[in-house]
Amino acid sequence: MELIEIFTSRVNESGAQLHIAPDIEEAYRLAEELVLSNSGDGERFISEQEYTIAEGIYGVAENGGIWLDSTSVSSRVRPFIAENLALIISKSKICSNMEELYRVVSPASTGFGVLISGPSKTADIEQCLVYGAHGAIKHYVILY
């Protein structure tokens, strides 16, 4: 299986919604459309807490995760408090596995790094899966 196919498969398995864009400009336009269409009811102001759009530094094919650091987000808390999270990633930035990722990232140089894979979810002992328990309810990945 090709690296991008593996990545897209893992993103879908994680519960995120994958979208493909032809370039970065269209990726940002699509991300904004997705998060704003799912934030608020059109009758009120949409706060920044309701959504976050960020460009990932690297993606990891084996788990569909996207690496963010302090250069990706204005505040470390943003990816965790947003109800709707859109992460944009270039196909050229997909690593095959975690070992490869850790060879190219340097969290010590930015002071912060996190790998996000899918929306927040938890399950109880009866295996009832709930989204948005401690983070994004909706997670979009836009690959360009």
Protein backbone atom coordinates (compact mmCIF):
# COMPACT_ATOMS: atom_id res chain seq x y z
CA MET A 1 0.00 0.00 0.00
CA GLU A 2 1.28 3.50 -0.85
CA LEU A 3 2.20 5.86 2.00
CA ILE A 4 -0.62 8.35 1.27
CA GLU A 5 -3.16 5.50 1.01
CA ILE A 6 -2.07 4.18 4.41
CA PHE A 7 -2.28 7.68 5.92
CA THR A 8 -5.78 8.33 4.53
CA SER A 9 -6.97 4.93 5.71
CA ARG A 10 -5.68 5.54 9.26
CA VAL A 11 -7.17 9.05 9.35
CA ASN A 12 -10.57 7.63 8.43
CA GLU A 13 -10.22 4.81 11.00
CA SER A 14 -9.46 7.41 13.71
CA GLY A 15 -12.87 9.03 13.27
CA ALA A 16 -11.60 12.14 11.47
CA GLN A 17 -13.06 13.31 8.18
CA LEU A 18 -10.47 13.40 5.39
CA HIS A 19 -10.69 15.90 2.54
CA ILE A 20 -8.34 16.42 -0.38
CA ALA A 21 -7.46 19.87 -1.73
CA PRO A 22 -5.39 20.72 -4.82
CA ASP A 23 -3.21 23.29 -3.02
CA ILE A 24 -2.68 25.01 0.32
CA GLU A 25 -4.91 27.98 -0.48
CA GLU A 26 -7.84 25.70 -1.27
CA ALA A 27 -7.01 23.61 1.83
CA TYR A 28 -7.41 26.67 4.07
CA ARG A 29 -10.61 27.72 2.31
CA LEU A 30 -12.05 24.23 2.75
CA ALA A 31 -10.94 24.05 6.40
CA GLU A 32 -12.67 27.33 7.17
CA GLU A 33 -15.83 26.20 5.41
CA LEU A 34 -15.87 22.90 7.34
CA VAL A 35 -15.28 24.29 10.83
CA LEU A 36 -17.58 27.27 10.43
CA SER A 37 -20.42 25.17 9.03
CA ASN A 38 -20.28 23.05 12.19
CA SER A 39 -19.77 25.89 14.68
CA GLY A 40 -22.68 27.83 16.08
CA ASP A 41 -26.14 28.17 14.67
CA GLY A 42 -25.69 31.22 12.44
CA GLU A 43 -27.57 33.37 14.96
CA ARG A 44 -24.65 34.21 17.23
CA PHE A 45 -20.96 35.06 17.25
CA ILE A 46 -18.69 32.05 16.75
CA SER A 47 -15.87 32.12 19.26
CA GLU A 48 -12.35 30.93 18.56
CA GLN A 49 -12.88 28.28 21.23
CA GLU A 50 -15.36 26.59 18.93
CA TYR A 51 -12.85 25.96 16.17
CA THR A 52 -9.16 25.82 15.37
CA ILE A 53 -7.44 25.57 12.00
CA ALA A 54 -3.76 24.67 12.01
CA GLU A 55 -1.16 23.49 9.55
CA GLY A 56 0.55 20.31 10.63
CA ILE A 57 4.32 19.99 10.51
CA TYR A 58 4.32 16.25 9.72
CA GLY A 59 1.81 13.44 9.33
CA VAL A 60 2.36 9.80 10.32
CA ALA A 61 1.00 7.12 8.01
CA GLU A 62 0.97 4.27 10.54
CA ASN A 63 -1.53 6.01 12.85
CA GLY A 64 -3.00 8.92 10.85
CA GLY A 65 -1.59 11.40 13.36
CA ILE A 66 -0.53 14.95 12.63
CA TRP A 67 2.35 16.60 14.49
CA LEU A 68 1.83 20.17 15.70
CA ASP A 69 4.28 22.36 17.56
CA SER A 70 4.36 25.96 18.75
CA THR A 71 4.93 27.16 15.17
CA SER A 72 1.57 25.59 14.18
CA VAL A 73 -0.76 27.12 16.76
CA SER A 74 -0.93 30.48 18.50
CA SER A 75 -1.58 28.81 21.85
CA ARG A 76 -0.81 25.28 23.04
CA VAL A 77 -4.34 24.85 24.34
CA ARG A 78 -6.11 25.65 21.02
CA PRO A 79 -6.15 22.11 19.56
CA PHE A 80 -7.54 20.74 22.83
CA ILE A 81 -10.36 23.20 23.58
CA ALA A 82 -11.75 23.60 20.07
CA GLU A 83 -14.97 21.73 19.37
CA ASN A 84 -14.12 21.64 15.64
CA LEU A 85 -10.50 21.05 14.66
CA ALA A 86 -9.18 21.22 11.09
CA LEU A 87 -5.60 20.19 10.47
CA ILE A 88 -3.99 20.85 7.11
CA ILE A 89 -1.06 18.73 5.94
CA SER A 90 0.98 18.46 2.76
CA LYS A 91 1.34 15.04 1.13
CA SER A 92 5.09 15.69 1.04
CA LYS A 93 5.18 15.85 4.86
CA ILE A 94 3.88 12.33 5.54
CA CYS A 95 6.31 10.04 7.42
CA SER A 96 5.86 6.29 7.36
CA ASN A 97 6.01 5.68 11.12
CA MET A 98 6.76 7.18 14.54
CA GLU A 99 10.44 6.30 14.37
CA GLU A 100 10.79 8.33 11.19
CA LEU A 101 8.83 11.21 12.73
CA TYR A 102 11.08 11.41 15.78
CA ARG A 103 14.13 11.56 13.52
CA VAL A 104 12.84 14.78 11.92
CA VAL A 105 11.05 16.65 14.73
CA SER A 106 12.69 18.50 17.56
CA PRO A 107 10.22 19.34 20.35
CA ALA A 108 13.07 20.74 22.44
CA SER A 109 13.64 23.50 19.88
CA THR A 110 10.01 24.69 19.94
CA GLY A 111 9.14 23.86 23.54
CA PHE A 112 5.92 22.08 22.57
CA GLY A 113 4.90 19.20 20.37
CA VAL A 114 1.83 16.99 20.09
CA LEU A 115 0.61 14.27 17.77
CA ILE A 116 -3.15 14.42 17.16
CA SER A 117 -5.03 11.50 15.62
CA GLY A 118 -8.79 11.78 15.26
CA PRO A 119 -11.38 13.52 17.40
CA SER A 120 -11.41 13.21 21.16
CA LYS A 121 -13.13 10.00 22.18
CA THR A 122 -13.61 7.76 25.18
CA ALA A 123 -15.53 4.59 25.92
CA ASP A 124 -16.89 3.21 29.16
CA ILE A 125 -16.79 -0.38 30.33
CA GLU A 126 -19.94 -1.12 28.32
CA GLN A 127 -18.05 0.06 25.22
CA CYS A 128 -20.25 3.06 24.57
CA LEU A 129 -18.07 5.39 22.45
CA VAL A 130 -18.47 9.12 23.07
CA TYR A 131 -16.83 11.85 20.95
CA GLY A 132 -15.71 15.19 22.38
CA ALA A 133 -15.08 13.99 25.92
CA HIS A 134 -11.92 16.06 26.36
CA GLY A 135 -11.23 17.76 23.04
CA ALA A 136 -12.55 18.21 19.52
CA ILE A 137 -15.89 16.65 18.65
CA LYS A 138 -15.26 17.06 14.92
CA HIS A 139 -11.79 16.57 13.45
CA TYR A 140 -11.07 17.34 9.82
CA VAL A 141 -7.86 16.54 7.99
CA ILE A 142 -7.26 18.39 4.73
CA LEU A 143 -4.51 16.83 2.66
CA TYR A 144 -3.03 18.79 -0.21
